[in-house]
């Protein structure tokens, strides 16, 4: 793919290709070579968030998504970021915080219904478990 004369554009294109090839560690390494990342194109924050998410670093991903959305709230990737943030929260067992983010997305968003069902099912399971724990504690207190 030919690059124009902007060296940062060439690096961004390379990072995009690495992410598309699921080479997240290499993409993250390349992103790390860019000094003062926050001062450049916000897409770099997005790309780094994707790398963090795909490597299981949910808290770091959330921080980057927050920074990205602060800088580019109407970016074409904003909904993807909201969905990813919801998945990070669900991964950490924070389904009650995840569901409002999922509910904020348009119904046509890919995989939304499946993820909402999964998050709702986890919340229901937690509620049932909590009920049983409370019952056990009451029985234990009555000894």
N, C-alpha and C. Protein backbone atom coordinates (compact mmCIF):
# COMPACT_ATOMS: atom_id res chain seq x y z
N UNK A 1 0.85 -1.17 0.00
CA UNK A 1 0.00 0.00 0.00
C UNK A 1 0.90 1.24 0.00
N UNK A 2 0.76 2.12 -0.97
CA UNK A 2 1.61 3.32 -1.00
C UNK A 2 1.22 4.28 0.11
N UNK A 3 2.23 4.94 0.65
CA UNK A 3 2.02 5.89 1.74
C UNK A 3 2.30 7.29 1.22
N UNK A 4 1.56 8.26 1.78
CA UNK A 4 1.90 9.62 1.41
C UNK A 4 3.12 10.04 2.22
N UNK A 5 3.51 11.28 2.13
CA UNK A 5 4.77 11.72 2.72
C UNK A 5 4.72 11.86 4.24
N UNK A 6 3.56 11.72 4.87
CA UNK A 6 3.44 11.84 6.32
C UNK A 6 3.92 10.55 6.98
N UNK A 7 5.05 10.60 7.71
CA UNK A 7 5.56 9.36 8.32
C UNK A 7 4.61 8.79 9.38
N UNK A 8 3.88 9.65 10.10
CA UNK A 8 2.94 9.15 11.10
C UNK A 8 1.81 8.38 10.43
N UNK A 9 1.35 8.85 9.28
CA UNK A 9 0.31 8.13 8.53
C UNK A 9 0.79 6.73 8.15
N UNK A 10 2.03 6.63 7.74
CA UNK A 10 2.60 5.33 7.38
C UNK A 10 2.64 4.41 8.60
N UNK A 11 3.00 4.96 9.76
CA UNK A 11 3.04 4.16 11.00
C UNK A 11 1.63 3.72 11.38
N UNK A 12 0.66 4.63 11.29
CA UNK A 12 -0.73 4.31 11.61
C UNK A 12 -1.23 3.20 10.69
N UNK A 13 -0.92 3.29 9.41
CA UNK A 13 -1.32 2.23 8.47
C UNK A 13 -0.69 0.90 8.85
N UNK A 14 0.57 0.93 9.25
CA UNK A 14 1.26 -0.29 9.65
C UNK A 14 0.62 -0.89 10.91
N UNK A 15 0.29 -0.04 11.87
CA UNK A 15 -0.36 -0.50 13.11
C UNK A 15 -1.71 -1.13 12.78
N UNK A 16 -2.46 -0.47 11.90
CA UNK A 16 -3.76 -1.00 11.49
C UNK A 16 -3.60 -2.40 10.89
N UNK A 17 -2.62 -2.57 10.03
CA UNK A 17 -2.38 -3.87 9.40
C UNK A 17 -1.99 -4.93 10.43
N UNK A 18 -1.19 -4.55 11.41
CA UNK A 18 -0.80 -5.50 12.47
C UNK A 18 -2.02 -5.93 13.28
N UNK A 19 -2.88 -4.98 13.62
CA UNK A 19 -4.09 -5.30 14.39
C UNK A 19 -5.01 -6.18 13.54
N UNK A 20 -5.16 -5.85 12.27
CA UNK A 20 -6.01 -6.67 11.39
C UNK A 20 -5.48 -8.10 11.28
N UNK A 21 -4.17 -8.26 11.45
CA UNK A 21 -3.54 -9.59 11.41
C UNK A 21 -3.46 -10.23 12.79
N UNK A 22 -4.08 -9.58 13.79
CA UNK A 22 -4.10 -10.05 15.17
C UNK A 22 -2.71 -10.15 15.79
N UNK A 23 -1.83 -9.27 15.35
CA UNK A 23 -0.48 -9.19 15.92
C UNK A 23 -0.45 -8.03 16.92
N UNK A 24 -1.18 -8.23 18.02
CA UNK A 24 -1.41 -7.16 18.98
C UNK A 24 -0.15 -6.73 19.72
N UNK A 25 0.68 -7.67 20.11
CA UNK A 25 1.91 -7.31 20.83
C UNK A 25 2.82 -6.48 19.94
N UNK A 26 2.94 -6.84 18.68
CA UNK A 26 3.79 -6.08 17.76
C UNK A 26 3.19 -4.70 17.49
N UNK A 27 1.87 -4.63 17.34
CA UNK A 27 1.22 -3.33 17.14
C UNK A 27 1.45 -2.45 18.36
N UNK A 28 1.32 -3.04 19.53
CA UNK A 28 1.52 -2.27 20.76
C UNK A 28 2.96 -1.80 20.88
N UNK A 29 3.91 -2.63 20.47
CA UNK A 29 5.31 -2.24 20.49
C UNK A 29 5.53 -1.03 19.58
N UNK A 30 4.95 -1.08 18.41
CA UNK A 30 5.10 0.03 17.47
C UNK A 30 4.44 1.31 18.00
N UNK A 31 3.27 1.17 18.61
CA UNK A 31 2.60 2.33 19.22
C UNK A 31 3.48 2.93 20.31
N UNK A 32 4.13 2.05 21.08
CA UNK A 32 5.00 2.51 22.16
C UNK A 32 6.20 3.31 21.69
N UNK A 33 6.54 3.21 20.43
CA UNK A 33 7.67 3.96 19.86
C UNK A 33 7.30 5.40 19.52
N UNK A 34 6.02 5.73 19.63
CA UNK A 34 5.56 7.08 19.28
C UNK A 34 5.57 7.93 20.55
N UNK A 35 6.45 8.93 20.60
CA UNK A 35 6.50 9.76 21.81
C UNK A 35 5.25 10.62 21.94
N UNK A 36 4.85 10.86 23.17
CA UNK A 36 3.70 11.71 23.48
C UNK A 36 2.47 11.30 22.66
N UNK A 37 2.11 10.06 22.81
CA UNK A 37 1.03 9.45 22.05
C UNK A 37 -0.25 10.29 22.06
N UNK A 38 -0.56 10.86 23.22
CA UNK A 38 -1.82 11.61 23.38
C UNK A 38 -1.88 12.85 22.50
N UNK A 39 -0.75 13.34 22.03
CA UNK A 39 -0.73 14.57 21.23
C UNK A 39 -0.96 14.30 19.74
N UNK A 40 -1.03 13.03 19.37
CA UNK A 40 -1.18 12.68 17.96
C UNK A 40 -2.62 12.29 17.66
N UNK A 41 -2.84 11.73 16.51
CA UNK A 41 -4.16 11.29 16.06
C UNK A 41 -4.79 10.39 17.14
N UNK A 42 -6.01 10.69 17.59
CA UNK A 42 -6.64 9.87 18.64
C UNK A 42 -6.81 8.40 18.24
N UNK A 43 -6.76 8.09 16.95
CA UNK A 43 -6.89 6.69 16.53
C UNK A 43 -5.80 5.83 17.15
N UNK A 44 -4.67 6.44 17.48
CA UNK A 44 -3.60 5.68 18.14
C UNK A 44 -4.04 5.20 19.52
N UNK A 45 -4.80 6.03 20.24
CA UNK A 45 -5.34 5.60 21.54
C UNK A 45 -6.30 4.44 21.34
N UNK A 46 -7.12 4.54 20.30
CA UNK A 46 -8.05 3.46 19.98
C UNK A 46 -7.29 2.18 19.68
N UNK A 47 -6.28 2.27 18.82
CA UNK A 47 -5.50 1.08 18.47
C UNK A 47 -4.85 0.46 19.70
N UNK A 48 -4.32 1.31 20.57
CA UNK A 48 -3.69 0.78 21.79
C UNK A 48 -4.73 0.12 22.69
N UNK A 49 -5.92 0.70 22.76
CA UNK A 49 -7.01 0.10 23.56
C UNK A 49 -7.36 -1.28 23.02
N UNK A 50 -7.43 -1.42 21.71
CA UNK A 50 -7.71 -2.73 21.10
C UNK A 50 -6.64 -3.73 21.50
N UNK A 51 -5.38 -3.31 21.43
CA UNK A 51 -4.28 -4.20 21.81
C UNK A 51 -4.40 -4.64 23.27
N UNK A 52 -4.70 -3.69 24.14
CA UNK A 52 -4.85 -4.01 25.57
C UNK A 52 -5.99 -5.00 25.77
N UNK A 53 -7.12 -4.74 25.14
CA UNK A 53 -8.28 -5.62 25.28
C UNK A 53 -7.95 -7.03 24.81
N UNK A 54 -7.36 -7.14 23.66
CA UNK A 54 -7.07 -8.45 23.08
C UNK A 54 -6.01 -9.22 23.86
N UNK A 55 -5.27 -8.51 24.70
CA UNK A 55 -4.27 -9.17 25.54
C UNK A 55 -4.76 -9.32 26.98
N UNK A 56 -6.07 -9.09 27.19
CA UNK A 56 -6.68 -9.34 28.49
C UNK A 56 -6.43 -8.29 29.55
N UNK A 57 -6.04 -7.10 29.15
CA UNK A 57 -5.77 -6.03 30.11
C UNK A 57 -6.94 -5.04 30.09
N UNK A 58 -8.01 -5.44 30.76
CA UNK A 58 -9.27 -4.71 30.70
C UNK A 58 -9.21 -3.31 31.33
N UNK A 59 -8.56 -3.17 32.47
CA UNK A 59 -8.50 -1.86 33.12
C UNK A 59 -7.72 -0.88 32.25
N UNK A 60 -6.61 -1.32 31.70
CA UNK A 60 -5.82 -0.47 30.81
C UNK A 60 -6.62 -0.09 29.57
N UNK A 61 -7.37 -1.04 29.04
CA UNK A 61 -8.22 -0.78 27.88
C UNK A 61 -9.26 0.29 28.22
N UNK A 62 -9.90 0.18 29.37
CA UNK A 62 -10.90 1.17 29.77
C UNK A 62 -10.31 2.57 29.87
N UNK A 63 -9.11 2.67 30.41
CA UNK A 63 -8.46 3.98 30.54
C UNK A 63 -8.22 4.58 29.16
N UNK A 64 -7.76 3.77 28.23
CA UNK A 64 -7.49 4.26 26.87
C UNK A 64 -8.77 4.62 26.13
N UNK A 65 -9.81 3.81 26.33
CA UNK A 65 -11.10 4.13 25.71
C UNK A 65 -11.61 5.46 26.24
N UNK A 66 -11.48 5.67 27.53
CA UNK A 66 -11.90 6.94 28.12
C UNK A 66 -11.15 8.10 27.50
N UNK A 67 -9.84 7.96 27.35
CA UNK A 67 -9.03 9.02 26.74
C UNK A 67 -9.42 9.24 25.28
N UNK A 68 -9.64 8.14 24.57
CA UNK A 68 -10.03 8.25 23.16
C UNK A 68 -11.36 8.99 23.01
N UNK A 69 -12.36 8.59 23.80
CA UNK A 69 -13.69 9.21 23.70
C UNK A 69 -13.67 10.66 24.16
N UNK A 70 -12.79 10.97 25.09
CA UNK A 70 -12.66 12.36 25.52
C UNK A 70 -12.13 13.22 24.37
N UNK A 71 -11.20 12.67 23.62
CA UNK A 71 -10.60 13.41 22.49
C UNK A 71 -11.44 13.36 21.23
N UNK A 72 -12.17 12.26 21.03
CA UNK A 72 -12.90 12.08 19.77
C UNK A 72 -14.29 11.48 20.03
N UNK A 73 -15.17 12.20 20.73
CA UNK A 73 -16.45 11.62 21.14
C UNK A 73 -17.37 11.22 19.98
N UNK A 74 -17.19 11.81 18.83
CA UNK A 74 -18.06 11.50 17.69
C UNK A 74 -17.35 10.70 16.60
N UNK A 75 -16.22 10.14 16.96
CA UNK A 75 -15.44 9.34 16.00
C UNK A 75 -16.26 8.14 15.55
N UNK A 76 -16.00 7.68 14.35
CA UNK A 76 -16.71 6.53 13.80
C UNK A 76 -16.52 5.28 14.68
N UNK A 77 -15.47 5.23 15.47
CA UNK A 77 -15.19 4.08 16.34
C UNK A 77 -15.75 4.25 17.76
N UNK A 78 -16.50 5.32 18.00
CA UNK A 78 -17.01 5.58 19.36
C UNK A 78 -17.92 4.46 19.85
N UNK A 79 -18.83 3.99 19.01
CA UNK A 79 -19.72 2.90 19.43
C UNK A 79 -18.94 1.62 19.69
N UNK A 80 -17.96 1.35 18.88
CA UNK A 80 -17.10 0.17 19.09
C UNK A 80 -16.43 0.29 20.47
N UNK A 81 -15.98 1.50 20.81
CA UNK A 81 -15.34 1.70 22.10
C UNK A 81 -16.31 1.47 23.26
N UNK A 82 -17.53 1.95 23.11
CA UNK A 82 -18.52 1.74 24.16
C UNK A 82 -18.80 0.25 24.33
N UNK A 83 -18.95 -0.46 23.23
CA UNK A 83 -19.18 -1.90 23.28
C UNK A 83 -17.99 -2.60 23.95
N UNK A 84 -16.77 -2.22 23.56
CA UNK A 84 -15.57 -2.83 24.14
C UNK A 84 -15.47 -2.52 25.63
N UNK A 85 -15.81 -1.31 26.03
CA UNK A 85 -15.80 -0.96 27.45
C UNK A 85 -16.78 -1.84 28.21
N UNK A 86 -17.96 -2.07 27.64
CA UNK A 86 -18.94 -2.95 28.28
C UNK A 86 -18.39 -4.35 28.43
N UNK A 87 -17.68 -4.83 27.42
CA UNK A 87 -17.09 -6.18 27.49
C UNK A 87 -15.99 -6.25 28.55
N UNK A 88 -15.20 -5.18 28.66
CA UNK A 88 -14.17 -5.13 29.71
C UNK A 88 -14.81 -5.25 31.09
N UNK A 89 -15.86 -4.48 31.30
CA UNK A 89 -16.55 -4.52 32.59
C UNK A 89 -17.13 -5.91 32.86
N UNK A 90 -17.74 -6.51 31.85
CA UNK A 90 -18.29 -7.86 32.01
C UNK A 90 -17.18 -8.85 32.31
N UNK A 91 -16.05 -8.71 31.65
CA UNK A 91 -14.91 -9.61 31.90
C UNK A 91 -14.45 -9.54 33.35
N UNK A 92 -14.62 -8.37 33.96
CA UNK A 92 -14.19 -8.17 35.35
C UNK A 92 -15.31 -8.45 36.35
N UNK A 93 -16.42 -9.00 35.87
CA UNK A 93 -17.52 -9.33 36.77
C UNK A 93 -18.38 -8.12 37.13
N UNK A 94 -18.27 -7.06 36.36
CA UNK A 94 -19.02 -5.82 36.66
C UNK A 94 -20.19 -5.67 35.68
N UNK A 95 -21.00 -6.71 35.60
CA UNK A 95 -22.11 -6.72 34.65
C UNK A 95 -23.10 -5.60 34.90
N UNK A 96 -23.30 -5.24 36.17
CA UNK A 96 -24.26 -4.17 36.48
C UNK A 96 -23.80 -2.83 35.92
N UNK A 97 -22.50 -2.66 35.70
CA UNK A 97 -21.99 -1.45 35.06
C UNK A 97 -21.92 -1.61 33.54
N UNK A 98 -21.81 -2.83 33.10
CA UNK A 98 -21.72 -3.13 31.67
C UNK A 98 -23.05 -2.92 30.95
N UNK A 99 -24.13 -3.35 31.57
CA UNK A 99 -25.44 -3.32 30.92
C UNK A 99 -25.88 -1.92 30.47
N UNK A 100 -25.70 -0.86 31.28
CA UNK A 100 -26.09 0.47 30.79
C UNK A 100 -25.32 0.90 29.54
N UNK A 101 -24.06 0.51 29.44
CA UNK A 101 -23.30 0.84 28.23
C UNK A 101 -23.88 0.11 27.03
N UNK A 102 -24.20 -1.16 27.21
CA UNK A 102 -24.80 -1.92 26.12
C UNK A 102 -26.15 -1.32 25.73
N UNK A 103 -26.92 -0.90 26.73
CA UNK A 103 -28.23 -0.30 26.45
C UNK A 103 -28.12 1.03 25.72
N UNK A 104 -26.96 1.68 25.80
CA UNK A 104 -26.76 2.97 25.14
C UNK A 104 -26.47 2.82 23.64
N UNK A 105 -26.20 1.60 23.21
CA UNK A 105 -25.87 1.37 21.80
C UNK A 105 -27.13 1.15 20.97
N UNK A 106 -27.07 1.47 19.69
CA UNK A 106 -28.23 1.22 18.83
C UNK A 106 -28.52 -0.28 18.72
N UNK A 107 -29.77 -0.62 18.61
CA UNK A 107 -30.18 -2.03 18.54
C UNK A 107 -29.53 -2.78 17.38
N UNK A 108 -29.13 -2.06 16.36
CA UNK A 108 -28.53 -2.69 15.19
C UNK A 108 -27.04 -3.01 15.37
N UNK A 109 -26.46 -2.65 16.51
CA UNK A 109 -25.03 -2.89 16.70
C UNK A 109 -24.74 -4.39 16.67
N UNK A 110 -23.70 -4.82 15.92
CA UNK A 110 -23.39 -6.26 15.82
C UNK A 110 -23.14 -6.90 17.18
N UNK A 111 -23.70 -8.06 17.38
CA UNK A 111 -23.53 -8.87 18.59
C UNK A 111 -24.17 -8.27 19.85
N UNK A 112 -24.85 -7.15 19.71
CA UNK A 112 -25.41 -6.48 20.89
C UNK A 112 -26.41 -7.37 21.62
N UNK A 113 -27.36 -7.94 20.90
CA UNK A 113 -28.38 -8.75 21.57
C UNK A 113 -27.77 -9.95 22.29
N UNK A 114 -26.82 -10.60 21.66
CA UNK A 114 -26.16 -11.76 22.29
C UNK A 114 -25.46 -11.33 23.57
N UNK A 115 -24.72 -10.24 23.51
CA UNK A 115 -23.98 -9.78 24.69
C UNK A 115 -24.92 -9.30 25.79
N UNK A 116 -26.01 -8.63 25.42
CA UNK A 116 -26.98 -8.20 26.43
C UNK A 116 -27.60 -9.42 27.12
N UNK A 117 -27.90 -10.45 26.33
CA UNK A 117 -28.44 -11.69 26.93
C UNK A 117 -27.43 -12.30 27.89
N UNK A 118 -26.16 -12.36 27.48
CA UNK A 118 -25.12 -12.95 28.33
C UNK A 118 -24.95 -12.17 29.63
N UNK A 119 -24.90 -10.84 29.51
CA UNK A 119 -24.72 -10.01 30.70
C UNK A 119 -25.94 -10.13 31.61
N UNK A 120 -27.13 -10.12 31.04
CA UNK A 120 -28.36 -10.27 31.85
C UNK A 120 -28.39 -11.63 32.54
N UNK A 121 -27.97 -12.67 31.84
CA UNK A 121 -27.94 -14.01 32.44
C UNK A 121 -26.97 -14.05 33.62
N UNK A 122 -25.81 -13.41 33.48
CA UNK A 122 -24.85 -13.37 34.58
C UNK A 122 -25.42 -12.61 35.78
N UNK A 123 -26.13 -11.51 35.51
CA UNK A 123 -26.74 -10.75 36.59
C UNK A 123 -27.79 -11.58 37.32
N UNK A 124 -28.59 -12.32 36.56
CA UNK A 124 -29.60 -13.18 37.17
C UNK A 124 -28.94 -14.28 38.00
N UNK A 125 -27.87 -14.86 37.49
CA UNK A 125 -27.16 -15.91 38.23
C UNK A 125 -26.59 -15.34 39.53
N UNK A 126 -26.02 -14.13 39.47
CA UNK A 126 -25.49 -13.50 40.68
C UNK A 126 -26.59 -13.23 41.69
N UNK A 127 -27.76 -12.81 41.22
CA UNK A 127 -28.89 -12.54 42.13
C UNK A 127 -29.34 -13.84 42.81
N UNK A 128 -29.41 -14.92 42.03
CA UNK A 128 -29.79 -16.22 42.63
C UNK A 128 -28.75 -16.68 43.65
N UNK A 129 -27.48 -16.52 43.30
CA UNK A 129 -26.42 -16.93 44.22
C UNK A 129 -26.48 -16.11 45.49
N UNK A 130 -26.71 -14.81 45.36
CA UNK A 130 -26.79 -13.94 46.53
C UNK A 130 -27.94 -14.36 47.44
N UNK A 131 -29.08 -14.71 46.84
CA UNK A 131 -30.22 -15.18 47.61
C UNK A 131 -29.84 -16.41 48.43
N UNK A 132 -29.16 -17.35 47.79
CA UNK A 132 -28.77 -18.59 48.48
C UNK A 132 -27.74 -18.31 49.58
N UNK A 133 -26.82 -17.42 49.34
CA UNK A 133 -25.84 -17.07 50.36
C UNK A 133 -26.53 -16.43 51.56
N UNK A 134 -27.47 -15.55 51.30
CA UNK A 134 -28.21 -14.91 52.39
C UNK A 134 -29.00 -15.95 53.19
N UNK A 135 -29.59 -16.90 52.49
CA UNK A 135 -30.32 -17.99 53.17
C UNK A 135 -29.38 -18.79 54.04
N UNK A 136 -28.22 -19.14 53.51
CA UNK A 136 -27.23 -19.92 54.27
C UNK A 136 -26.79 -19.13 55.49
N UNK A 137 -26.55 -17.83 55.34
CA UNK A 137 -26.11 -17.02 56.48
C UNK A 137 -27.20 -16.95 57.55
N UNK A 138 -28.46 -16.82 57.13
CA UNK A 138 -29.56 -16.79 58.11
C UNK A 138 -29.66 -18.11 58.84
N UNK A 139 -29.49 -19.22 58.12
CA UNK A 139 -29.54 -20.54 58.75
C UNK A 139 -28.38 -20.70 59.72
N UNK A 140 -27.25 -20.20 59.34
CA UNK A 140 -26.05 -20.30 60.18
C UNK A 140 -26.24 -19.47 61.46
N UNK A 141 -26.84 -18.31 61.34
CA UNK A 141 -27.08 -17.45 62.50
C UNK A 141 -28.07 -18.08 63.45
N UNK A 142 -28.99 -18.87 62.94
CA UNK A 142 -30.01 -19.49 63.76
C UNK A 142 -29.54 -20.74 64.50
N UNK A 143 -28.31 -21.09 64.39
CA UNK A 143 -27.78 -22.29 65.05
C UNK A 143 -27.88 -22.22 66.53
